[in-house]
Amino acid sequence: MRATIVAALLILPTSALADPVRVNALEHSCRSLQRIVAENGAAIIRYPSRNKPGLTLYDRYISNVTSCGNRQMVETMSIPAADTQRCRVRHCVPSDCDPGEPFCF
């Protein structure tokens, strides 16, 4: 059994074991942030709160729904970037469907 687990870990791609990419939104243009997320599949992006000065927010932003877990869906939102206050990015949110519904994963 242990050999099977070790073998499974050895064949995982190294990117799956690597730390996620982390960036500061205000150091990149919107296009650059979107490219970073697309190239890495996901990235943790930090940005200042609009409502509370001095508070830094962060979330994991994704390139597609396959980066989300079970019973999660993709939501598009806007975060500030170096060149705009409304950079469109996607992140995972809990799904509000019932498990018995079609297409509820």
PDB file of N, CA and C in Angstrom:
ATOM      1  N   MET A   1       0.818  -1.194   0.000  1.00  0.00           N
ATOM      2  CA  MET A   1       0.000   0.000   0.000  1.00  0.00           C
ATOM      3  C   MET A   1       0.863   1.258   0.000  1.00  0.00           C
ATOM      4  N   ARG A   2       1.903   1.287   0.841  1.00  0.00           N
ATOM      5  CA  ARG A   2       2.778   2.456   0.882  1.00  0.00           C
ATOM      6  C   ARG A   2       3.487   2.671  -0.441  1.00  0.00           C
ATOM      7  N   ALA A   3       3.868   1.584  -1.087  1.00  0.00           N
ATOM      8  CA  ALA A   3       4.544   1.697  -2.380  1.00  0.00           C
ATOM      9  C   ALA A   3       3.622   2.340  -3.408  1.00  0.00           C
ATOM     10  N   THR A   4       2.348   2.014  -3.365  1.00  0.00           N
ATOM     11  CA  THR A   4       1.386   2.603  -4.296  1.00  0.00           C
ATOM     12  C   THR A   4       1.258   4.103  -4.074  1.00  0.00           C
ATOM     13  N   ILE A   5       1.201   4.518  -2.819  1.00  0.00           N
ATOM     14  CA  ILE A   5       1.084   5.941  -2.500  1.00  0.00           C
ATOM     15  C   ILE A   5       2.341   6.685  -2.936  1.00  0.00           C
ATOM     16  N   VAL A   6       3.497   6.117  -2.659  1.00  0.00           N
ATOM     17  CA  VAL A   6       4.753   6.749  -3.060  1.00  0.00           C
ATOM     18  C   VAL A   6       4.830   6.849  -4.579  1.00  0.00           C
ATOM     19  N   ALA A   7       4.438   5.798  -5.272  1.00  0.00           N
ATOM     20  CA  ALA A   7       4.459   5.810  -6.738  1.00  0.00           C
ATOM     21  C   ALA A   7       3.514   6.879  -7.281  1.00  0.00           C
ATOM     22  N   ALA A   8       2.354   7.012  -6.675  1.00  0.00           N
ATOM     23  CA  ALA A   8       1.394   8.018  -7.119  1.00  0.00           C
ATOM     24  C   ALA A   8       1.949   9.423  -6.930  1.00  0.00           C
ATOM     25  N   LEU A   9       2.629   9.675  -5.819  1.00  0.00           N
ATOM     26  CA  LEU A   9       3.220  10.981  -5.578  1.00  0.00           C
ATOM     27  C   LEU A   9       4.353  11.285  -6.545  1.00  0.00           C
ATOM     28  N   LEU A  10       5.092  10.277  -6.928  1.00  0.00           N
ATOM     29  CA  LEU A  10       6.213  10.488  -7.842  1.00  0.00           C
ATOM     30  C   LEU A  10       5.769  10.840  -9.255  1.00  0.00           C
ATOM     31  N   ILE A  11       4.585  10.398  -9.654  1.00  0.00           N
ATOM     32  CA  ILE A  11       4.146  10.687 -11.022  1.00  0.00           C
ATOM     33  C   ILE A  11       3.322  11.964 -11.112  1.00  0.00           C
ATOM     34  N   LEU A  12       3.064  12.631  -9.974  1.00  0.00           N
ATOM     35  CA  LEU A  12       2.383  13.914 -10.017  1.00  0.00           C
ATOM     36  C   LEU A  12       3.288  14.927 -10.706  1.00  0.00           C
ATOM     37  N   PRO A  13       2.708  15.812 -11.501  1.00  0.00           N
ATOM     38  CA  PRO A  13       3.550  16.851 -12.098  1.00  0.00           C
ATOM     39  C   PRO A  13       4.120  17.742 -11.009  1.00  0.00           C
ATOM     40  N   THR A  14       5.328  18.229 -11.221  1.00  0.00           N
ATOM     41  CA  THR A  14       5.964  19.058 -10.201  1.00  0.00           C
ATOM     42  C   THR A  14       5.197  20.343  -9.967  1.00  0.00           C
ATOM     43  N   SER A  15       4.470  20.849 -10.966  1.00  0.00           N
ATOM     44  CA  SER A  15       3.708  22.080 -10.771  1.00  0.00           C
ATOM     45  C   SER A  15       2.596  21.884  -9.754  1.00  0.00           C
ATOM     46  N   ALA A  16       2.071  20.664  -9.628  1.00  0.00           N
ATOM     47  CA  ALA A  16       1.020  20.409  -8.654  1.00  0.00           C
ATOM     48  C   ALA A  16       1.562  20.469  -7.236  1.00  0.00           C
ATOM     49  N   LEU A  17       2.855  20.232  -7.072  1.00  0.00           N
ATOM     50  CA  LEU A  17       3.458  20.245  -5.754  1.00  0.00           C
ATOM     51  C   LEU A  17       4.072  21.601  -5.412  1.00  0.00           C
ATOM     52  N   ALA A  18       4.229  22.456  -6.381  1.00  0.00           N
ATOM     53  CA  ALA A  18       4.876  23.744  -6.179  1.00  0.00           C
ATOM     54  C   ALA A  18       3.944  24.719  -5.459  1.00  0.00           C
ATOM     55  N   ASP A  19       4.546  25.704  -4.806  1.00  0.00           N
ATOM     56  CA  ASP A  19       3.755  26.761  -4.191  1.00  0.00           C
ATOM     57  C   ASP A  19       3.031  27.548  -5.270  1.00  0.00           C
ATOM     58  N   PRO A  20       1.834  28.027  -4.959  1.00  0.00           N
ATOM     59  CA  PRO A  20       1.119  28.825  -5.964  1.00  0.00           C
ATOM     60  C   PRO A  20       1.828  30.152  -6.212  1.00  0.00           C
ATOM     61  N   VAL A  21       1.661  30.680  -7.392  1.00  0.00           N
ATOM     62  CA  VAL A  21       2.225  31.979  -7.744  1.00  0.00           C
ATOM     63  C   VAL A  21       1.503  33.042  -6.918  1.00  0.00           C
ATOM     64  N   ARG A  22       2.266  33.969  -6.352  1.00  0.00           N
ATOM     65  CA  ARG A  22       1.699  35.054  -5.546  1.00  0.00           C
ATOM     66  C   ARG A  22       2.172  36.381  -6.121  1.00  0.00           C
ATOM     67  N   VAL A  23       1.229  37.296  -6.355  1.00  0.00           N
ATOM     68  CA  VAL A  23       1.588  38.592  -6.934  1.00  0.00           C
ATOM     69  C   VAL A  23       0.820  39.716  -6.241  1.00  0.00           C
ATOM     70  N   ASN A  24       1.386  40.898  -6.325  1.00  0.00           N
ATOM     71  CA  ASN A  24       0.738  42.108  -5.845  1.00  0.00           C
ATOM     72  C   ASN A  24       0.067  42.769  -7.044  1.00  0.00           C
ATOM     73  N   ALA A  25      -1.232  42.966  -6.979  1.00  0.00           N
ATOM     74  CA  ALA A  25      -1.995  43.481  -8.117  1.00  0.00           C
ATOM     75  C   ALA A  25      -1.519  44.854  -8.580  1.00  0.00           C
ATOM     76  N   LEU A  26      -1.132  45.697  -7.659  1.00  0.00           N
ATOM     77  CA  LEU A  26      -0.755  47.060  -8.032  1.00  0.00           C
ATOM     78  C   LEU A  26       0.619  47.149  -8.677  1.00  0.00           C
ATOM     79  N   GLU A  27       1.340  46.031  -8.740  1.00  0.00           N
ATOM     80  CA  GLU A  27       2.627  46.006  -9.421  1.00  0.00           C
ATOM     81  C   GLU A  27       2.515  45.498 -10.855  1.00  0.00           C
ATOM     82  N   HIS A  28       1.287  45.196 -11.302  1.00  0.00           N
ATOM     83  CA  HIS A  28       1.076  44.635 -12.635  1.00  0.00           C
ATOM     84  C   HIS A  28      -0.110  45.299 -13.313  1.00  0.00           C
ATOM     85  N   SER A  29      -0.040  45.370 -14.644  1.00  0.00           N
ATOM     86  CA  SER A  29      -1.204  45.833 -15.398  1.00  0.00           C
ATOM     87  C   SER A  29      -2.277  44.744 -15.358  1.00  0.00           C
ATOM     88  N   CYS A  30      -3.480  45.099 -15.718  1.00  0.00           N
ATOM     89  CA  CYS A  30      -4.568  44.119 -15.748  1.00  0.00           C
ATOM     90  C   CYS A  30      -4.234  42.982 -16.711  1.00  0.00           C
ATOM     91  N   ARG A  31      -3.774  43.326 -17.875  1.00  0.00           N
ATOM     92  CA  ARG A  31      -3.425  42.299 -18.869  1.00  0.00           C
ATOM     93  C   ARG A  31      -2.341  41.368 -18.333  1.00  0.00           C
ATOM     94  N   SER A  32      -1.376  41.922 -17.617  1.00  0.00           N
ATOM     95  CA  SER A  32      -0.313  41.111 -17.037  1.00  0.00           C
ATOM     96  C   SER A  32      -0.862  40.160 -15.975  1.00  0.00           C
ATOM     97  N   LEU A  33      -1.763  40.634 -15.107  1.00  0.00           N
ATOM     98  CA  LEU A  33      -2.379  39.765 -14.099  1.00  0.00           C
ATOM     99  C   LEU A  33      -3.142  38.620 -14.755  1.00  0.00           C
ATOM    100  N   GLN A  34      -3.918  38.942 -15.782  1.00  0.00           N
ATOM    101  CA  GLN A  34      -4.687  37.914 -16.481  1.00  0.00           C
ATOM    102  C   GLN A  34      -3.764  36.899 -17.150  1.00  0.00           C
ATOM    103  N   ARG A  35      -2.636  37.351 -17.679  1.00  0.00           N
ATOM    104  CA  ARG A  35      -1.672  36.452 -18.319  1.00  0.00           C
ATOM    105  C   ARG A  35      -1.021  35.538 -17.273  1.00  0.00           C
ATOM    106  N   ILE A  36      -0.671  36.082 -16.120  1.00  0.00           N
ATOM    107  CA  ILE A  36      -0.067  35.282 -15.043  1.00  0.00           C
ATOM    108  C   ILE A  36      -1.017  34.166 -14.627  1.00  0.00           C
ATOM    109  N   VAL A  37      -2.286  34.500 -14.452  1.00  0.00           N
ATOM    110  CA  VAL A  37      -3.282  33.494 -14.066  1.00  0.00           C
ATOM    111  C   VAL A  37      -3.422  32.451 -15.167  1.00  0.00           C
ATOM    112  N   ALA A  38      -3.504  32.883 -16.422  1.00  0.00           N
ATOM    113  CA  ALA A  38      -3.671  31.943 -17.545  1.00  0.00           C
ATOM    114  C   ALA A  38      -2.469  31.008 -17.677  1.00  0.00           C
ATOM    115  N   GLU A  39      -1.269  31.530 -17.536  1.00  0.00           N
ATOM    116  CA  GLU A  39      -0.065  30.714 -17.694  1.00  0.00           C
ATOM    117  C   GLU A  39       0.125  29.709 -16.564  1.00  0.00           C
ATOM    118  N   ASN A  40      -0.335  30.045 -15.364  1.00  0.00           N
ATOM    119  CA  ASN A  40      -0.124  29.184 -14.199  1.00  0.00           C
ATOM    120  C   ASN A  40      -1.361  28.389 -13.791  1.00  0.00           C
ATOM    121  N   GLY A  41      -2.493  28.671 -14.412  1.00  0.00           N
ATOM    122  CA  GLY A  41      -3.737  27.999 -14.054  1.00  0.00           C
ATOM    123  C   GLY A  41      -4.421  28.640 -12.869  1.00  0.00           C
ATOM    124  N   ALA A  42      -3.640  29.227 -11.967  1.00  0.00           N
ATOM    125  CA  ALA A  42      -4.167  29.918 -10.796  1.00  0.00           C
ATOM    126  C   ALA A  42      -3.061  30.773 -10.192  1.00  0.00           C
ATOM    127  N   ALA A  43      -3.457  31.807  -9.459  1.00  0.00           N
ATOM    128  CA  ALA A  43      -2.486  32.654  -8.758  1.00  0.00           C
ATOM    129  C   ALA A  43      -3.180  33.302  -7.570  1.00  0.00           C
ATOM    130  N   ILE A  44      -2.419  33.543  -6.529  1.00  0.00           N
ATOM    131  CA  ILE A  44      -2.930  34.288  -5.388  1.00  0.00           C
ATOM    132  C   ILE A  44      -2.535  35.738  -5.620  1.00  0.00           C
ATOM    133  N   ILE A  45      -3.553  36.595  -5.682  1.00  0.00           N
ATOM    134  CA  ILE A  45      -3.320  38.009  -5.970  1.00  0.00           C
ATOM    135  C   ILE A  45      -3.731  38.841  -4.758  1.00  0.00           C
ATOM    136  N   ARG A  46      -2.817  39.707  -4.320  1.00  0.00           N
ATOM    137  CA  ARG A  46      -3.061  40.620  -3.203  1.00  0.00           C
ATOM    138  C   ARG A  46      -3.383  42.002  -3.754  1.00  0.00           C
ATOM    139  N   TYR A  47      -4.312  42.700  -3.074  1.00  0.00           N
ATOM    140  CA  TYR A  47      -4.681  44.048  -3.497  1.00  0.00           C
ATOM    141  C   TYR A  47      -5.265  44.802  -2.301  1.00  0.00           C
ATOM    142  N   PRO A  48      -5.213  46.144  -2.319  1.00  0.00           N
ATOM    143  CA  PRO A  48      -5.731  46.915  -1.188  1.00  0.00           C
ATOM    144  C   PRO A  48      -7.262  46.938  -1.189  1.00  0.00           C
ATOM    145  N   SER A  49      -7.832  46.943   0.014  1.00  0.00           N
ATOM    146  CA  SER A  49      -9.283  47.046   0.162  1.00  0.00           C
ATOM    147  C   SER A  49      -9.753  48.419  -0.295  1.00  0.00           C
ATOM    148  N   ARG A  50     -10.892  48.455  -0.958  1.00  0.00           N
ATOM    149  CA  ARG A  50     -11.484  49.740  -1.361  1.00  0.00           C
ATOM    150  C   ARG A  50     -12.162  50.420  -0.172  1.00  0.00           C
ATOM    151  N   ASN A  51     -12.620  49.631   0.792  1.00  0.00           N
ATOM    152  CA  ASN A  51     -13.417  50.162   1.892  1.00  0.00           C
ATOM    153  C   ASN A  51     -12.624  50.481   3.157  1.00  0.00           C
ATOM    154  N   LYS A  52     -11.507  49.782   3.381  1.00  0.00           N
ATOM    155  CA  LYS A  52     -10.727  49.987   4.603  1.00  0.00           C
ATOM    156  C   LYS A  52      -9.274  50.277   4.239  1.00  0.00           C
ATOM    157  N   PRO A  53      -8.872  51.532   4.314  1.00  0.00           N
ATOM    158  CA  PRO A  53      -7.486  51.880   4.008  1.00  0.00           C
ATOM    159  C   PRO A  53      -6.508  51.096   4.897  1.00  0.00           C
ATOM    160  N   GLY A  54      -5.439  50.615   4.302  1.00  0.00           N
ATOM    161  CA  GLY A  54      -4.425  49.874   5.036  1.00  0.00           C
ATOM    162  C   GLY A  54      -4.689  48.380   5.117  1.00  0.00           C
ATOM    163  N   LEU A  55      -5.873  47.938   4.706  1.00  0.00           N
ATOM    164  CA  LEU A  55      -6.209  46.513   4.733  1.00  0.00           C
ATOM    165  C   LEU A  55      -5.877  45.883   3.386  1.00  0.00           C
ATOM    166  N   THR A  56      -5.115  44.802   3.407  1.00  0.00           N
ATOM    167  CA  THR A  56      -4.781  44.085   2.171  1.00  0.00           C
ATOM    168  C   THR A  56      -5.656  42.854   2.061  1.00  0.00           C
ATOM    169  N   LEU A  57      -6.285  42.686   0.912  1.00  0.00           N
ATOM    170  CA  LEU A  57      -7.117  41.521   0.626  1.00  0.00           C
ATOM    171  C   LEU A  57      -6.367  40.612  -0.336  1.00  0.00           C
ATOM    172  N   TYR A  58      -6.772  39.356  -0.379  1.00  0.00           N
ATOM    173  CA  TYR A  58      -6.181  38.432  -1.348  1.00  0.00           C
ATOM    174  C   TYR A  58      -7.164  37.313  -1.615  1.00  0.00           C
ATOM    175  N   ASP A  59      -6.999  36.667  -2.752  1.00  0.00           N
ATOM    176  CA  ASP A  59      -7.805  35.507  -3.101  1.00  0.00           C
ATOM    177  C   ASP A  59      -7.041  34.719  -4.154  1.00  0.00           C
ATOM    178  N   ARG A  60      -7.516  33.524  -4.403  1.00  0.00           N
ATOM    179  CA  ARG A  60      -6.942  32.662  -5.436  1.00  0.00           C
ATOM    180  C   ARG A  60      -7.775  32.843  -6.688  1.00  0.00           C
ATOM    181  N   TYR A  61      -7.150  33.319  -7.744  1.00  0.00           N
ATOM    182  CA  TYR A  61      -7.829  33.560  -9.012  1.00  0.00           C
ATOM    183  C   TYR A  61      -7.410  32.475  -9.995  1.00  0.00           C
ATOM    184  N   ILE A  62      -8.332  32.060 -10.839  1.00  0.00           N
ATOM    185  CA  ILE A  62      -8.148  30.859 -11.652  1.00  0.00           C
ATOM    186  C   ILE A  62      -8.340  31.141 -13.135  1.00  0.00           C
ATOM    187  N   SER A  63      -7.823  30.218 -13.956  1.00  0.00           N
ATOM    188  CA  SER A  63      -7.983  30.358 -15.406  1.00  0.00           C
ATOM    189  C   SER A  63      -9.243  29.660 -15.912  1.00  0.00           C
ATOM    190  N   ASN A  64      -9.686  28.584 -15.230  1.00  0.00           N
ATOM    191  CA  ASN A  64     -10.903  27.897 -15.663  1.00  0.00           C
ATOM    192  C   ASN A  64     -11.503  27.074 -14.529  1.00  0.00           C
ATOM    193  N   VAL A  65     -12.686  26.551 -14.764  1.00  0.00           N
ATOM    194  CA  VAL A  65     -13.455  25.866 -13.728  1.00  0.00           C
ATOM    195  C   VAL A  65     -12.772  24.599 -13.213  1.00  0.00           C
ATOM    196  N   THR A  66     -11.873  24.019 -13.971  1.00  0.00           N
ATOM    197  CA  THR A  66     -11.202  22.795 -13.504  1.00  0.00           C
ATOM    198  C   THR A  66     -10.311  23.071 -12.293  1.00  0.00           C
ATOM    199  N   SER A  67     -10.016  24.332 -12.017  1.00  0.00           N
ATOM    200  CA  SER A  67      -9.231  24.689 -10.833  1.00  0.00           C
ATOM    201  C   SER A  67     -10.082  24.773  -9.570  1.00  0.00           C
ATOM    202  N   CYS A  68     -11.403  24.662  -9.722  1.00  0.00           N
ATOM    203  CA  CYS A  68     -12.310  24.725  -8.575  1.00  0.00           C
ATOM    204  C   CYS A  68     -12.552  23.327  -8.020  1.00  0.00           C
ATOM    205  N   GLY A  69     -12.973  23.263  -6.780  1.00  0.00           N
ATOM    206  CA  GLY A  69     -13.265  21.997  -6.139  1.00  0.00           C
ATOM    207  C   GLY A  69     -14.705  21.567  -6.355  1.00  0.00           C
ATOM    208  N   ASN A  70     -15.077  20.465  -5.705  1.00  0.00           N
ATOM    209  CA  ASN A  70     -16.453  19.986  -5.766  1.00  0.00           C
ATOM    210  C   ASN A  70     -17.396  21.033  -5.197  1.00  0.00           C
ATOM    211  N   ARG A  71     -18.549  21.093  -5.772  1.00  0.00           N
ATOM    212  CA  ARG A  71     -19.601  22.029  -5.345  1.00  0.00           C
ATOM    213  C   ARG A  71     -19.128  23.476  -5.344  1.00  0.00           C
ATOM    214  N   GLN A  72     -18.267  23.806  -6.294  1.00  0.00           N
ATOM    215  CA  GLN A  72     -17.842  25.186  -6.498  1.00  0.00           C
ATOM    216  C   GLN A  72     -18.102  25.564  -7.943  1.00  0.00           C
ATOM    217  N   MET A  73     -18.262  26.847  -8.175  1.00  0.00           N
ATOM    218  CA  MET A  73     -18.429  27.355  -9.532  1.00  0.00           C
ATOM    219  C   MET A  73     -17.552  28.587  -9.709  1.00  0.00           C
ATOM    220  N   VAL A  74     -17.431  29.045 -10.933  1.00  0.00           N
ATOM    221  CA  VAL A  74     -16.591  30.193 -11.241  1.00  0.00           C
ATOM    222  C   VAL A  74     -17.424  31.468 -11.195  1.00  0.00           C
ATOM    223  N   GLU A  75     -16.846  32.489 -10.587  1.00  0.00           N
ATOM    224  CA  GLU A  75     -17.477  33.805 -10.557  1.00  0.00           C
ATOM    225  C   GLU A  75     -16.447  34.818 -11.049  1.00  0.00           C
ATOM    226  N   THR A  76     -16.877  35.740 -11.878  1.00  0.00           N
ATOM    227  CA  THR A  76     -15.992  36.802 -12.361  1.00  0.00           C
ATOM    228  C   THR A  76     -16.187  38.027 -11.480  1.00  0.00           C
ATOM    229  N   MET A  77     -15.077  38.646 -11.123  1.00  0.00           N
ATOM    230  CA  MET A  77     -15.132  39.851 -10.300  1.00  0.00           C
ATOM    231  C   MET A  77     -14.067  40.828 -10.763  1.00  0.00           C
ATOM    232  N   SER A  78     -14.072  42.018 -10.208  1.00  0.00           N
ATOM    233  CA  SER A  78     -13.082  43.039 -10.552  1.00  0.00           C
ATOM    234  C   SER A  78     -12.200  43.335  -9.351  1.00  0.00           C
ATOM    235  N   ILE A  79     -10.905  43.467  -9.624  1.00  0.00           N
ATOM    236  CA  ILE A  79      -9.946  43.872  -8.596  1.00  0.00           C
ATOM    237  C   ILE A  79      -9.113  45.016  -9.170  1.00  0.00           C
ATOM    238  N   PRO A  80      -8.482  45.817  -8.323  1.00  0.00           N
ATOM    239  CA  PRO A  80      -7.635  46.892  -8.839  1.00  0.00           C
ATOM    240  C   PRO A  80      -6.317  46.336  -9.392  1.00  0.00           C
ATOM    241  N   ALA A  81      -5.811  47.011 -10.399  1.00  0.00           N
ATOM    242  CA  ALA A  81      -4.498  46.690 -10.973  1.00  0.00           C
ATOM    243  C   ALA A  81      -3.744  48.006 -11.130  1.00  0.00           C
ATOM    244  N   ALA A  82      -2.519  47.955 -11.603  1.00  0.00           N
ATOM    245  CA  ALA A  82      -1.703  49.169 -11.750  1.00  0.00           C
ATOM    246  C   ALA A  82      -2.329  50.153 -12.733  1.00  0.00           C
ATOM    247  N   ASP A  83      -3.044  49.644 -13.740  1.00  0.00           N
ATOM    248  CA  ASP A  83      -3.570  50.513 -14.789  1.00  0.00           C
ATOM    249  C   ASP A  83      -5.082  50.718 -14.765  1.00  0.00           C
ATOM    250  N   THR A  84      -5.799  50.041 -13.867  1.00  0.00           N
ATOM    251  CA  THR A  84      -7.253  50.195 -13.802  1.00  0.00           C
ATOM    252  C   THR A  84      -7.759  49.773 -12.425  1.00  0.00           C
ATOM    253  N   GLN A  85      -8.903  50.278 -12.045  1.00  0.00           N
ATOM    254  CA  GLN A  85      -9.525  49.866 -10.784  1.00  0.00           C
ATOM    255  C   GLN A  85     -10.437  48.660 -10.978  1.00  0.00           C
ATOM    256  N   ARG A  86     -10.673  48.261 -12.235  1.00  0.00           N
ATOM    257  CA  ARG A  86     -11.615  47.181 -12.510  1.00  0.00           C
ATOM    258  C   ARG A  86     -11.024  46.144 -13.467  1.00  0.00           C
ATOM    259  N   CYS A  87     -10.116  45.340 -12.953  1.00  0.00           N
ATOM    260  CA  CYS A  87      -9.520  44.256 -13.729  1.00  0.00           C
ATOM    261  C   CYS A  87     -10.363  42.994 -13.518  1.00  0.00           C
ATOM    262  N   ARG A  88     -10.902  42.431 -14.578  1.00  0.00           N
ATOM    263  CA  ARG A  88     -11.783  41.269 -14.496  1.00  0.00           C
ATOM    264  C   ARG A  88     -10.973  39.982 -14.342  1.00  0.00           C
ATOM    265  N   VAL A  89     -11.239  39.253 -13.259  1.00  0.00           N
ATOM    266  CA  VAL A  89     -10.590  37.981 -12.964  1.00  0.00           C
ATOM    267  C   VAL A  89     -11.644  36.997 -12.467  1.00  0.00           C
ATOM    268  N   ARG A  90     -11.301  35.709 -12.477  1.00  0.00           N
ATOM    269  CA  ARG A  90     -12.242  34.667 -12.034  1.00  0.00           C
ATOM    270  C   ARG A  90     -11.726  33.990 -10.779  1.00  0.00           C
ATOM    271  N   HIS A  91     -12.681  33.608  -9.913  1.00  0.00           N
ATOM    272  CA  HIS A  91     -12.320  32.834  -8.720  1.00  0.00           C
ATOM    273  C   HIS A  91     -13.434  31.841  -8.417  1.00  0.00           C
ATOM    274  N   CYS A  92     -13.141  30.881  -7.548  1.00  0.00           N
ATOM    275  CA  CYS A  92     -14.101  29.832  -7.193  1.00  0.00           C
ATOM    276  C   CYS A  92     -14.967  30.300  -6.024  1.00  0.00           C
ATOM    277  N   VAL A  93     -16.253  30.012  -6.129  1.00  0.00           N
ATOM    278  CA  VAL A  93     -17.193  30.299  -5.047  1.00  0.00           C
ATOM    279  C   VAL A  93     -18.050  29.061  -4.823  1.00  0.00           C
ATOM    280  N   PRO A  94     -18.604  28.912  -3.616  1.00  0.00           N
ATOM    281  CA  PRO A  94     -19.472  27.755  -3.373  1.00  0.00           C
ATOM    282  C   PRO A  94     -20.688  27.785  -4.300  1.00  0.00           C
ATOM    283  N   SER A  95     -21.046  26.626  -4.793  1.00  0.00           N
ATOM    284  CA  SER A  95     -22.229  26.500  -5.636  1.00  0.00           C
ATOM    285  C   SER A  95     -23.455  26.460  -4.738  1.00  0.00           C
ATOM    286  N   ASP A  96     -24.554  27.026  -5.194  1.00  0.00           N
ATOM    287  CA  ASP A  96     -25.762  27.033  -4.382  1.00  0.00           C
ATOM    288  C   ASP A  96     -26.799  26.017  -4.882  1.00  0.00           C
ATOM    289  N   CYS A  97     -26.335  24.994  -5.606  1.00  0.00           N
ATOM    290  CA  CYS A  97     -27.270  23.991  -6.114  1.00  0.00           C
ATOM    291  C   CYS A  97     -27.380  22.819  -5.147  1.00  0.00           C
ATOM    292  N   ASP A  98     -28.470  22.075  -5.269  1.00  0.00           N
ATOM    293  CA  ASP A  98     -28.664  20.868  -4.479  1.00  0.00           C
ATOM    294  C   ASP A  98     -27.969  19.694  -5.166  1.00  0.00           C
ATOM    295  N   PRO A  99     -27.354  18.797  -4.415  1.00  0.00           N
ATOM    296  CA  PRO A  99     -26.624  17.682  -5.021  1.00  0.00           C
ATOM    297  C   PRO A  99     -27.460  16.831  -5.966  1.00  0.00           C
ATOM    298  N   GLY A 100     -28.783  16.784  -5.808  1.00  0.00           N
ATOM    299  CA  GLY A 100     -29.627  15.982  -6.692  1.00  0.00           C
ATOM    300  C   GLY A 100     -29.921  16.621  -8.041  1.00  0.00           C
ATOM    301  N   GLU A 101     -29.617  17.923  -8.176  1.00  0.00           N
ATOM    302  CA  GLU A 101     -29.891  18.633  -9.425  1.00  0.00           C
ATOM    303  C   GLU A 101     -28.921  18.200 -10.513  1.00  0.00           C
ATOM    304  N   PRO A 102     -29.394  18.209 -11.779  1.00  0.00           N
ATOM    305  CA  PRO A 102     -28.449  17.931 -12.875  1.00  0.00           C
ATOM    306  C   PRO A 102     -27.369  19.017 -12.903  1.00  0.00           C
ATOM    307  N   PHE A 103     -26.190  18.650 -13.255  1.00  0.00           N
ATOM    308  CA  PHE A 103     -25.038  19.533 -13.391  1.00  0.00           C
ATOM    309  C   PHE A 103     -24.585  20.141 -12.073  1.00  0.00           C
ATOM    310  N   CYS A 104     -24.968  19.556 -10.955  1.00  0.00           N
ATOM    311  CA  CYS A 104     -24.456  19.985  -9.647  1.00  0.00           C
ATOM    312  C   CYS A 104     -23.373  18.998  -9.260  1.00  0.00           C
ATOM    313  N   PHE A 105     -22.127  19.455  -9.219  1.00  0.00           N
ATOM    314  CA  PHE A 105     -20.998  18.553  -8.948  1.00  0.00           C
ATOM    315  C   PHE A 105     -20.453  18.777  -7.573  1.00  0.00           C
TER     316      PHE A 105
END
